[in-house]
Amino acid sequence: TAVRAVLNPVKIGRGMLVFIEVRLDHTAPHIFDRFAEAVAKAPEVLECHMVVGGFDYLVKARIAEMADYQDFLKRVILPLPGVKETHTYASIGDVKPDALLPV
């Protein structure tokens, strides 16, 4: 049996949810490894997925508000190894958050 606490993100200073597409300047195993290590250390990052398509990673992060986003981008995302370009999408509402696996 597992116990899970559900916290209100606004009350803990993480009210804004953003998704960030990250494109790397080149794709090599050492760049992927360094990127993964650096992202794992960022407390704002909830999830990070390597994807196929027009970019390399999709990062899901929670921050306090839009005013803090620029700082987060400069401090956490842009210094990550190999980052060439980013595109950010701010969530304006949850339709189906934290869905359980259908078993």
N, C-alpha and C. Protein backbone atom coordinates (compact mmCIF):
# COMPACT_ATOMS: atom_id res chain seq x y z
N THR A 1 0.84 -1.17 0.00
CA THR A 1 0.00 0.00 0.00
C THR A 1 0.89 1.23 0.00
N ALA A 2 0.47 2.22 -0.78
CA ALA A 2 1.23 3.46 -0.86
C ALA A 2 0.40 4.62 -0.33
N VAL A 3 1.09 5.60 0.23
CA VAL A 3 0.44 6.81 0.71
C VAL A 3 0.93 7.95 -0.16
N ARG A 4 0.01 8.83 -0.55
CA ARG A 4 0.38 9.94 -1.43
C ARG A 4 -0.26 11.22 -0.90
N ALA A 5 0.54 12.25 -0.74
CA ALA A 5 0.03 13.56 -0.34
C ALA A 5 -0.19 14.40 -1.59
N VAL A 6 -1.32 15.05 -1.69
CA VAL A 6 -1.61 15.94 -2.82
C VAL A 6 -1.56 17.36 -2.29
N LEU A 7 -0.58 18.13 -2.76
CA LEU A 7 -0.37 19.49 -2.28
C LEU A 7 -0.92 20.50 -3.28
N ASN A 8 -1.37 21.63 -2.78
CA ASN A 8 -1.81 22.72 -3.63
C ASN A 8 -0.57 23.48 -4.08
N PRO A 9 -0.24 23.45 -5.40
CA PRO A 9 0.99 24.10 -5.87
C PRO A 9 1.07 25.59 -5.54
N VAL A 10 -0.06 26.28 -5.54
CA VAL A 10 -0.07 27.71 -5.24
C VAL A 10 0.40 27.95 -3.81
N LYS A 11 -0.04 27.11 -2.89
CA LYS A 11 0.30 27.29 -1.48
C LYS A 11 1.76 26.99 -1.18
N ILE A 12 2.44 26.28 -2.06
CA ILE A 12 3.87 26.01 -1.83
C ILE A 12 4.77 26.78 -2.80
N GLY A 13 4.21 27.83 -3.41
CA GLY A 13 5.00 28.70 -4.28
C GLY A 13 5.35 28.12 -5.63
N ARG A 14 4.51 27.23 -6.14
CA ARG A 14 4.74 26.61 -7.45
C ARG A 14 3.45 26.62 -8.26
N GLY A 15 2.78 27.76 -8.31
CA GLY A 15 1.47 27.85 -8.93
C GLY A 15 1.43 27.82 -10.44
N MET A 16 2.56 28.01 -11.10
CA MET A 16 2.57 28.05 -12.56
C MET A 16 3.24 26.81 -13.13
N LEU A 17 2.54 26.16 -14.06
CA LEU A 17 3.05 24.97 -14.72
C LEU A 17 3.47 25.34 -16.14
N VAL A 18 4.70 24.99 -16.51
CA VAL A 18 5.20 25.27 -17.85
C VAL A 18 5.77 24.00 -18.48
N PHE A 19 5.65 23.95 -19.80
CA PHE A 19 6.25 22.88 -20.59
C PHE A 19 7.26 23.55 -21.51
N ILE A 20 8.46 23.03 -21.55
CA ILE A 20 9.53 23.66 -22.31
C ILE A 20 10.11 22.65 -23.31
N GLU A 21 10.01 23.00 -24.58
CA GLU A 21 10.68 22.22 -25.62
C GLU A 21 12.13 22.67 -25.65
N VAL A 22 13.05 21.73 -25.63
CA VAL A 22 14.48 22.05 -25.66
C VAL A 22 15.11 21.37 -26.86
N ARG A 23 15.78 22.17 -27.68
CA ARG A 23 16.54 21.64 -28.81
C ARG A 23 18.02 21.83 -28.50
N LEU A 24 18.78 20.76 -28.67
CA LEU A 24 20.22 20.82 -28.41
C LEU A 24 20.97 21.20 -29.68
N ASP A 25 22.17 21.76 -29.50
CA ASP A 25 22.95 22.19 -30.66
C ASP A 25 23.53 21.02 -31.44
N HIS A 26 23.76 19.91 -30.78
CA HIS A 26 24.12 18.67 -31.46
C HIS A 26 23.78 17.50 -30.56
N THR A 27 23.59 16.37 -31.17
CA THR A 27 23.19 15.20 -30.40
C THR A 27 24.35 14.20 -30.35
N ALA A 28 24.85 14.03 -29.15
CA ALA A 28 25.93 13.08 -28.89
C ALA A 28 25.69 12.50 -27.51
N PRO A 29 26.08 11.26 -27.29
CA PRO A 29 25.81 10.63 -25.99
C PRO A 29 26.28 11.43 -24.79
N HIS A 30 27.47 12.05 -24.87
CA HIS A 30 27.96 12.81 -23.71
C HIS A 30 27.11 14.05 -23.45
N ILE A 31 26.55 14.67 -24.50
CA ILE A 31 25.67 15.83 -24.31
C ILE A 31 24.36 15.39 -23.65
N PHE A 32 23.78 14.27 -24.11
CA PHE A 32 22.56 13.75 -23.51
C PHE A 32 22.78 13.42 -22.03
N ASP A 33 23.91 12.80 -21.72
CA ASP A 33 24.20 12.43 -20.34
C ASP A 33 24.35 13.65 -19.45
N ARG A 34 25.08 14.65 -19.92
CA ARG A 34 25.28 15.87 -19.13
C ARG A 34 23.97 16.62 -18.94
N PHE A 35 23.14 16.67 -19.98
CA PHE A 35 21.84 17.33 -19.90
C PHE A 35 20.98 16.62 -18.85
N ALA A 36 20.90 15.31 -18.92
CA ALA A 36 20.07 14.54 -17.98
C ALA A 36 20.53 14.73 -16.53
N GLU A 37 21.82 14.72 -16.31
CA GLU A 37 22.36 14.93 -14.96
C GLU A 37 21.99 16.31 -14.43
N ALA A 38 22.13 17.33 -15.27
CA ALA A 38 21.84 18.70 -14.83
C ALA A 38 20.36 18.90 -14.56
N VAL A 39 19.49 18.36 -15.40
CA VAL A 39 18.04 18.50 -15.21
C VAL A 39 17.59 17.80 -13.92
N ALA A 40 18.19 16.66 -13.64
CA ALA A 40 17.81 15.90 -12.44
C ALA A 40 18.05 16.69 -11.16
N LYS A 41 18.97 17.64 -11.19
CA LYS A 41 19.30 18.43 -10.01
C LYS A 41 18.40 19.65 -9.80
N ALA A 42 17.59 20.01 -10.80
CA ALA A 42 16.76 21.23 -10.72
C ALA A 42 15.45 20.92 -10.01
N PRO A 43 15.21 21.49 -8.82
CA PRO A 43 14.00 21.17 -8.08
C PRO A 43 12.71 21.63 -8.77
N GLU A 44 12.79 22.62 -9.63
CA GLU A 44 11.59 23.10 -10.34
C GLU A 44 11.11 22.10 -11.38
N VAL A 45 12.00 21.26 -11.87
CA VAL A 45 11.67 20.32 -12.94
C VAL A 45 10.96 19.10 -12.35
N LEU A 46 9.71 18.89 -12.79
CA LEU A 46 8.93 17.75 -12.34
C LEU A 46 9.19 16.52 -13.20
N GLU A 47 9.30 16.74 -14.50
CA GLU A 47 9.53 15.65 -15.44
C GLU A 47 10.39 16.17 -16.59
N CYS A 48 11.12 15.26 -17.20
CA CYS A 48 11.89 15.58 -18.40
C CYS A 48 11.90 14.33 -19.27
N HIS A 49 11.49 14.50 -20.52
CA HIS A 49 11.39 13.38 -21.44
C HIS A 49 12.22 13.64 -22.69
N MET A 50 13.04 12.65 -23.08
CA MET A 50 13.72 12.71 -24.38
C MET A 50 12.67 12.28 -25.41
N VAL A 51 12.53 13.07 -26.48
CA VAL A 51 11.48 12.80 -27.46
C VAL A 51 12.06 12.76 -28.87
N VAL A 52 11.27 12.22 -29.78
CA VAL A 52 11.63 12.27 -31.20
C VAL A 52 10.75 13.31 -31.86
N GLY A 53 11.26 13.95 -32.88
CA GLY A 53 10.51 14.99 -33.57
C GLY A 53 11.35 16.22 -33.76
N GLY A 54 10.71 17.38 -33.65
CA GLY A 54 11.37 18.64 -33.94
C GLY A 54 12.26 19.19 -32.84
N PHE A 55 12.29 18.55 -31.68
CA PHE A 55 13.15 18.99 -30.58
C PHE A 55 13.62 17.75 -29.84
N ASP A 56 14.48 17.93 -28.83
CA ASP A 56 15.11 16.79 -28.16
C ASP A 56 14.51 16.41 -26.81
N TYR A 57 14.10 17.42 -26.03
CA TYR A 57 13.57 17.16 -24.69
C TYR A 57 12.30 17.96 -24.46
N LEU A 58 11.40 17.38 -23.67
CA LEU A 58 10.24 18.11 -23.18
C LEU A 58 10.35 18.14 -21.66
N VAL A 59 10.43 19.35 -21.13
CA VAL A 59 10.62 19.56 -19.69
C VAL A 59 9.31 20.09 -19.11
N LYS A 60 8.87 19.49 -18.01
CA LYS A 60 7.68 19.94 -17.28
C LYS A 60 8.18 20.51 -15.96
N ALA A 61 7.85 21.78 -15.70
CA ALA A 61 8.36 22.44 -14.49
C ALA A 61 7.27 23.26 -13.82
N ARG A 62 7.42 23.44 -12.52
CA ARG A 62 6.52 24.30 -11.75
C ARG A 62 7.32 25.42 -11.14
N ILE A 63 6.81 26.64 -11.34
CA ILE A 63 7.45 27.84 -10.79
C ILE A 63 6.37 28.64 -10.08
N ALA A 64 6.76 29.70 -9.40
CA ALA A 64 5.79 30.48 -8.63
C ALA A 64 4.81 31.22 -9.55
N GLU A 65 5.35 31.98 -10.49
CA GLU A 65 4.51 32.79 -11.38
C GLU A 65 5.35 33.24 -12.57
N MET A 66 4.70 33.84 -13.55
CA MET A 66 5.40 34.21 -14.78
C MET A 66 6.59 35.13 -14.52
N ALA A 67 6.50 35.98 -13.52
CA ALA A 67 7.62 36.88 -13.21
C ALA A 67 8.88 36.09 -12.86
N ASP A 68 8.72 34.89 -12.33
CA ASP A 68 9.87 34.06 -11.96
C ASP A 68 10.37 33.20 -13.12
N TYR A 69 9.59 33.13 -14.18
CA TYR A 69 9.95 32.25 -15.28
C TYR A 69 11.27 32.66 -15.95
N GLN A 70 11.44 33.95 -16.19
CA GLN A 70 12.67 34.42 -16.85
C GLN A 70 13.90 34.02 -16.04
N ASP A 71 13.81 34.17 -14.72
CA ASP A 71 14.93 33.77 -13.86
C ASP A 71 15.18 32.27 -13.97
N PHE A 72 14.11 31.49 -13.93
CA PHE A 72 14.23 30.03 -14.05
C PHE A 72 14.89 29.65 -15.38
N LEU A 73 14.45 30.29 -16.46
CA LEU A 73 15.01 30.01 -17.78
C LEU A 73 16.51 30.32 -17.82
N LYS A 74 16.89 31.50 -17.32
CA LYS A 74 18.29 31.91 -17.33
C LYS A 74 19.16 31.08 -16.39
N ARG A 75 18.61 30.74 -15.25
CA ARG A 75 19.38 30.06 -14.20
C ARG A 75 19.45 28.55 -14.40
N VAL A 76 18.37 27.95 -14.91
CA VAL A 76 18.30 26.49 -14.96
C VAL A 76 18.38 25.93 -16.38
N ILE A 77 17.53 26.41 -17.27
CA ILE A 77 17.41 25.78 -18.59
C ILE A 77 18.52 26.18 -19.56
N LEU A 78 18.73 27.47 -19.77
CA LEU A 78 19.70 27.91 -20.77
C LEU A 78 21.14 27.47 -20.48
N PRO A 79 21.56 27.41 -19.21
CA PRO A 79 22.93 26.93 -18.95
C PRO A 79 23.12 25.42 -19.10
N LEU A 80 22.04 24.67 -19.30
CA LEU A 80 22.18 23.22 -19.43
C LEU A 80 23.06 22.89 -20.63
N PRO A 81 23.80 21.80 -20.55
CA PRO A 81 24.73 21.45 -21.62
C PRO A 81 24.05 21.30 -22.98
N GLY A 82 24.58 22.02 -23.98
CA GLY A 82 24.15 21.85 -25.36
C GLY A 82 22.86 22.54 -25.77
N VAL A 83 22.23 23.33 -24.90
CA VAL A 83 20.95 23.95 -25.25
C VAL A 83 21.14 24.98 -26.36
N LYS A 84 20.41 24.80 -27.45
CA LYS A 84 20.46 25.72 -28.58
C LYS A 84 19.23 26.60 -28.64
N GLU A 85 18.06 26.02 -28.35
CA GLU A 85 16.80 26.75 -28.53
C GLU A 85 15.74 26.18 -27.59
N THR A 86 14.85 27.04 -27.13
CA THR A 86 13.73 26.60 -26.29
C THR A 86 12.43 27.24 -26.77
N HIS A 87 11.35 26.56 -26.52
CA HIS A 87 10.00 27.10 -26.71
C HIS A 87 9.21 26.71 -25.48
N THR A 88 8.51 27.67 -24.89
CA THR A 88 7.80 27.44 -23.65
C THR A 88 6.30 27.61 -23.83
N TYR A 89 5.57 26.73 -23.16
CA TYR A 89 4.11 26.76 -23.17
C TYR A 89 3.66 26.77 -21.72
N ALA A 90 2.91 27.82 -21.33
CA ALA A 90 2.39 27.92 -19.97
C ALA A 90 0.99 27.31 -19.93
N SER A 91 0.76 26.48 -18.95
CA SER A 91 -0.55 25.85 -18.79
C SER A 91 -1.52 26.86 -18.19
N ILE A 92 -2.72 26.95 -18.77
CA ILE A 92 -3.74 27.84 -18.21
C ILE A 92 -4.87 27.06 -17.53
N GLY A 93 -4.74 25.76 -17.50
CA GLY A 93 -5.74 24.94 -16.80
C GLY A 93 -5.43 23.47 -16.93
N ASP A 94 -5.73 22.73 -15.88
CA ASP A 94 -5.52 21.27 -15.88
C ASP A 94 -6.78 20.60 -16.39
N VAL A 95 -6.65 19.77 -17.41
CA VAL A 95 -7.78 19.01 -17.93
C VAL A 95 -7.78 17.61 -17.31
N LYS A 96 -6.60 16.98 -17.26
CA LYS A 96 -6.48 15.65 -16.68
C LYS A 96 -5.11 15.53 -16.03
N PRO A 97 -4.93 16.14 -14.88
CA PRO A 97 -3.62 16.09 -14.23
C PRO A 97 -3.40 14.75 -13.51
N ASP A 98 -2.16 14.31 -13.47
CA ASP A 98 -1.74 13.13 -12.70
C ASP A 98 -2.67 11.94 -12.86
N ALA A 99 -2.96 11.57 -14.08
CA ALA A 99 -3.81 10.40 -14.31
C ALA A 99 -3.12 9.14 -13.84
N LEU A 100 -3.89 8.24 -13.27
CA LEU A 100 -3.37 6.94 -12.85
C LEU A 100 -3.27 6.03 -14.07
N LEU A 101 -2.39 5.06 -13.99
CA LEU A 101 -2.25 4.12 -15.09
C LEU A 101 -3.51 3.26 -15.21
N PRO A 102 -4.00 3.07 -16.41
CA PRO A 102 -5.21 2.24 -16.57
C PRO A 102 -4.85 0.75 -16.53
N VAL A 103 -5.07 0.15 -15.39
CA VAL A 103 -4.78 -1.30 -15.26
C VAL A 103 -6.02 -2.08 -14.97
